[in-house]
C-alpha atoms as a PDB file:
ATOM      1  CA  UNK A   1     -11.297 -30.368  -0.432  1.00  0.00           C
ATOM      2  CA  UNK A   2      -9.353 -27.722  -2.351  1.00  0.00           C
ATOM      3  CA  UNK A   3      -8.575 -24.284  -0.976  1.00  0.00           C
ATOM      4  CA  UNK A   4      -6.952 -21.074  -2.156  1.00  0.00           C
ATOM      5  CA  UNK A   5      -5.000 -19.332   0.589  1.00  0.00           C
ATOM      6  CA  UNK A   6      -4.068 -15.697   0.044  1.00  0.00           C
ATOM      7  CA  UNK A   7      -1.501 -13.723   1.981  1.00  0.00           C
ATOM      8  CA  UNK A   8       0.659 -10.612   1.831  1.00  0.00           C
ATOM      9  CA  UNK A   9      -1.892  -7.852   2.246  1.00  0.00           C
ATOM     10  CA  UNK A  10      -1.418  -4.955   4.608  1.00  0.00           C
ATOM     11  CA  UNK A  11      -1.018  -1.223   5.011  1.00  0.00           C
ATOM     12  CA  UNK A  12       1.437   0.593   2.762  1.00  0.00           C
ATOM     13  CA  UNK A  13       2.143   4.228   1.949  1.00  0.00           C
ATOM     14  CA  UNK A  14       1.559   5.657  -1.525  1.00  0.00           C
ATOM     15  CA  UNK A  15       4.450   4.789  -3.792  1.00  0.00           C
ATOM     16  CA  UNK A  16       5.250   1.688  -1.789  1.00  0.00           C
ATOM     17  CA  UNK A  17       5.302  -1.956  -2.797  1.00  0.00           C
ATOM     18  CA  UNK A  18       3.579  -5.123  -1.686  1.00  0.00           C
ATOM     19  CA  UNK A  19       3.678  -8.742  -2.778  1.00  0.00           C
ATOM     20  CA  UNK A  20       0.625 -10.985  -2.611  1.00  0.00           C
ATOM     21  CA  UNK A  21       0.589 -14.763  -2.759  1.00  0.00           C
ATOM     22  CA  UNK A  22      -2.149 -17.236  -3.612  1.00  0.00           C
ATOM     23  CA  UNK A  23      -1.500 -20.908  -2.951  1.00  0.00           C
ATOM     24  CA  UNK A  24      -3.740 -23.817  -3.893  1.00  0.00           C
ATOM     25  CA  UNK A  25      -3.775 -26.730  -1.470  1.00  0.00           C
ATOM     26  CA  UNK A  26      -5.650 -29.963  -0.938  1.00  0.00           C
ATOM     27  CA  UNK A  27      -6.363 -32.703  -3.434  1.00  0.00           C
ATOM     28  CA  UNK A  28      -5.178 -30.624  -6.378  1.00  0.00           C
ATOM     29  CA  UNK A  29      -4.366 -32.443  -9.582  1.00  0.00           C
ATOM     30  CA  UNK A  30      -3.938 -29.411 -11.801  1.00  0.00           C
ATOM     31  CA  UNK A  31      -4.144 -25.629 -11.575  1.00  0.00           C
ATOM     32  CA  UNK A  32      -4.842 -23.824 -14.812  1.00  0.00           C
ATOM     33  CA  UNK A  33      -5.650 -20.159 -15.400  1.00  0.00           C
ATOM     34  CA  UNK A  34      -5.256 -18.047 -12.268  1.00  0.00           C
ATOM     35  CA  UNK A  35      -6.499 -14.495 -11.796  1.00  0.00           C
ATOM     36  CA  UNK A  36      -6.296 -11.625  -9.325  1.00  0.00           C
ATOM     37  CA  UNK A  37      -9.420  -9.582  -8.697  1.00  0.00           C
ATOM     38  CA  UNK A  38     -10.020  -6.668  -6.384  1.00  0.00           C
ATOM     39  CA  UNK A  39     -13.125  -5.194  -4.848  1.00  0.00           C
ATOM     40  CA  UNK A  40     -13.503  -1.889  -3.035  1.00  0.00           C
ATOM     41  CA  UNK A  41     -16.627  -0.721  -1.167  1.00  0.00           C
ATOM     42  CA  UNK A  42     -19.209   0.603  -3.592  1.00  0.00           C
ATOM     43  CA  UNK A  43     -17.367  -0.709  -6.622  1.00  0.00           C
ATOM     44  CA  UNK A  44     -17.728  -3.761  -8.805  1.00  0.00           C
ATOM     45  CA  UNK A  45     -15.219  -6.531  -8.571  1.00  0.00           C
ATOM     46  CA  UNK A  46     -12.637  -6.023 -11.301  1.00  0.00           C
ATOM     47  CA  UNK A  47     -10.016  -8.200 -12.902  1.00  0.00           C
ATOM     48  CA  UNK A  48      -6.546  -6.929 -12.034  1.00  0.00           C
ATOM     49  CA  UNK A  49      -4.236  -9.512 -13.555  1.00  0.00           C
ATOM     50  CA  UNK A  50      -4.224 -13.049 -14.831  1.00  0.00           C
ATOM     51  CA  UNK A  51      -1.781 -15.737 -15.812  1.00  0.00           C
ATOM     52  CA  UNK A  52      -2.215 -18.939 -17.781  1.00  0.00           C
ATOM     53  CA  UNK A  53      -0.679 -22.277 -16.935  1.00  0.00           C
ATOM     54  CA  UNK A  54       2.080 -21.561 -19.442  1.00  0.00           C
ATOM     55  CA  UNK A  55       2.856 -18.118 -18.049  1.00  0.00           C
ATOM     56  CA  UNK A  56       0.980 -15.816 -20.433  1.00  0.00           C
ATOM     57  CA  UNK A  57      -0.086 -12.724 -18.480  1.00  0.00           C
ATOM     58  CA  UNK A  58      -2.692  -9.996 -18.796  1.00  0.00           C
ATOM     59  CA  UNK A  59      -3.295  -6.794 -16.826  1.00  0.00           C
ATOM     60  CA  UNK A  60      -5.921  -4.167 -16.342  1.00  0.00           C
ATOM     61  CA  UNK A  61      -4.958  -0.834 -17.864  1.00  0.00           C
ATOM     62  CA  UNK A  62      -5.092   0.778 -14.437  1.00  0.00           C
ATOM     63  CA  UNK A  63      -2.251  -1.387 -13.112  1.00  0.00           C
ATOM     64  CA  UNK A  64      -0.218  -2.085 -16.231  1.00  0.00           C
ATOM     65  CA  UNK A  65       3.415  -1.168 -15.690  1.00  0.00           C
ATOM     66  CA  UNK A  66       3.031  -1.209 -11.907  1.00  0.00           C
ATOM     67  CA  UNK A  67       1.842  -4.745 -11.140  1.00  0.00           C
ATOM     68  CA  UNK A  68       3.454  -8.010 -12.198  1.00  0.00           C
ATOM     69  CA  UNK A  69       1.959 -11.468 -11.788  1.00  0.00           C
ATOM     70  CA  UNK A  70       3.860 -14.731 -11.874  1.00  0.00           C
ATOM     71  CA  UNK A  71       3.412 -18.340 -10.819  1.00  0.00           C
ATOM     72  CA  UNK A  72       5.289 -21.346  -9.535  1.00  0.00           C
ATOM     73  CA  UNK A  73       3.566 -24.410 -10.933  1.00  0.00           C
ATOM     74  CA  UNK A  74       5.537 -26.730  -8.690  1.00  0.00           C
ATOM     75  CA  UNK A  75       4.067 -24.957  -5.653  1.00  0.00           C
ATOM     76  CA  UNK A  76       0.646 -24.278  -7.204  1.00  0.00           C
ATOM     77  CA  UNK A  77       1.170 -20.665  -6.236  1.00  0.00           C
ATOM     78  CA  UNK A  78       0.509 -17.348  -7.962  1.00  0.00           C
ATOM     79  CA  UNK A  79       2.091 -14.039  -6.999  1.00  0.00           C
ATOM     80  CA  UNK A  80       1.195 -10.410  -7.533  1.00  0.00           C
ATOM     81  CA  UNK A  81       4.037  -7.921  -7.153  1.00  0.00           C
ATOM     82  CA  UNK A  82       2.579  -4.451  -6.697  1.00  0.00           C
ATOM     83  CA  UNK A  83       4.729  -1.343  -7.028  1.00  0.00           C
ATOM     84  CA  UNK A  84       4.095   2.406  -7.131  1.00  0.00           C
ATOM     85  CA  UNK A  85       0.930   1.819  -5.174  1.00  0.00           C
ATOM     86  CA  UNK A  86      -1.786   4.453  -5.190  1.00  0.00           C
ATOM     87  CA  UNK A  87      -4.679   5.094  -2.805  1.00  0.00           C
ATOM     88  CA  UNK A  88      -6.975   3.959  -5.621  1.00  0.00           C
ATOM     89  CA  UNK A  89      -5.434   0.495  -5.302  1.00  0.00           C
ATOM     90  CA  UNK A  90      -7.004   0.087  -1.869  1.00  0.00           C
ATOM     91  CA  UNK A  91      -9.289  -2.940  -1.997  1.00  0.00           C
ATOM     92  CA  UNK A  92      -9.753  -6.542  -0.998  1.00  0.00           C
ATOM     93  CA  UNK A  93      -7.689  -8.595  -3.402  1.00  0.00           C
ATOM     94  CA  UNK A  94      -9.050 -12.014  -4.279  1.00  0.00           C
ATOM     95  CA  UNK A  95      -7.557 -14.979  -6.058  1.00  0.00           C
ATOM     96  CA  UNK A  96      -9.493 -17.108  -8.514  1.00  0.00           C
ATOM     97  CA  UNK A  97      -8.240 -20.269 -10.144  1.00  0.00           C
ATOM     98  CA  UNK A  98      -9.414 -23.040 -12.417  1.00  0.00           C
ATOM     99  CA  UNK A  99      -8.636 -26.262 -10.569  1.00  0.00           C
ATOM    100  CA  UNK A 100      -8.991 -29.956 -11.199  1.00  0.00           C
ATOM    101  CA  UNK A 101      -9.317 -32.185  -8.146  1.00  0.00           C
ATOM    102  CA  UNK A 102      -8.256 -35.789  -8.000  1.00  0.00           C
ATOM    103  CA  UNK A 103     -10.953 -37.752  -9.800  1.00  0.00           C
ATOM    104  CA  UNK A 104     -12.994 -34.610 -10.434  1.00  0.00           C
ATOM    105  CA  UNK A 105     -13.810 -32.079 -13.102  1.00  0.00           C
ATOM    106  CA  UNK A 106     -12.431 -28.627 -13.787  1.00  0.00           C
ATOM    107  CA  UNK A 107     -14.035 -25.786 -11.826  1.00  0.00           C
ATOM    108  CA  UNK A 108     -13.329 -22.310 -10.499  1.00  0.00           C
ATOM    109  CA  UNK A 109     -12.592 -21.586  -6.858  1.00  0.00           C
ATOM    110  CA  UNK A 110     -12.111 -18.328  -4.960  1.00  0.00           C
ATOM    111  CA  UNK A 111      -9.793 -17.398  -2.142  1.00  0.00           C
ATOM    112  CA  UNK A 112     -10.959 -15.565   0.961  1.00  0.00           C
ATOM    113  CA  UNK A 113      -9.334 -12.284  -0.021  1.00  0.00           C
ATOM    114  CA  UNK A 114      -6.618 -10.161   1.541  1.00  0.00           C
ATOM    115  CA  UNK A 115      -6.935  -6.472   2.381  1.00  0.00           C
ATOM    116  CA  UNK A 116      -4.585  -3.970   0.755  1.00  0.00           C
ATOM    117  CA  UNK A 117      -4.730  -0.432   2.106  1.00  0.00           C
ATOM    118  CA  UNK A 118      -2.678   2.355   0.515  1.00  0.00           C
ATOM    119  CA  UNK A 119      -2.670   5.418   2.739  1.00  0.00           C
ATOM    120  CA  UNK A 120      -0.306   7.975   4.213  1.00  0.00           C
END
């Protein structure tokens, strides 16, 4: 019915940059708060960044100053611009969004995740 499609992951060297995208598609009426999470093997899933429908952002201390999130409400898309990447940033990055379907209620949905690997 409604899907979150993530893209932009890949292999990058330390100090490099990468831009992730998360697009909501399907019978979407409204997309509200959207968040980026990441999960590495052996670690808990952690909140990386988030953005409200009005553009208010938040960041984890570990990425503040290096990552920037933004959104295009007309495209129902959220972006994560990652700079000065470190090996510790290696993880599967997942998108989560609060979505309202046509004729439905508000609920959270997850994307499939995209792999980011920071290595020399």
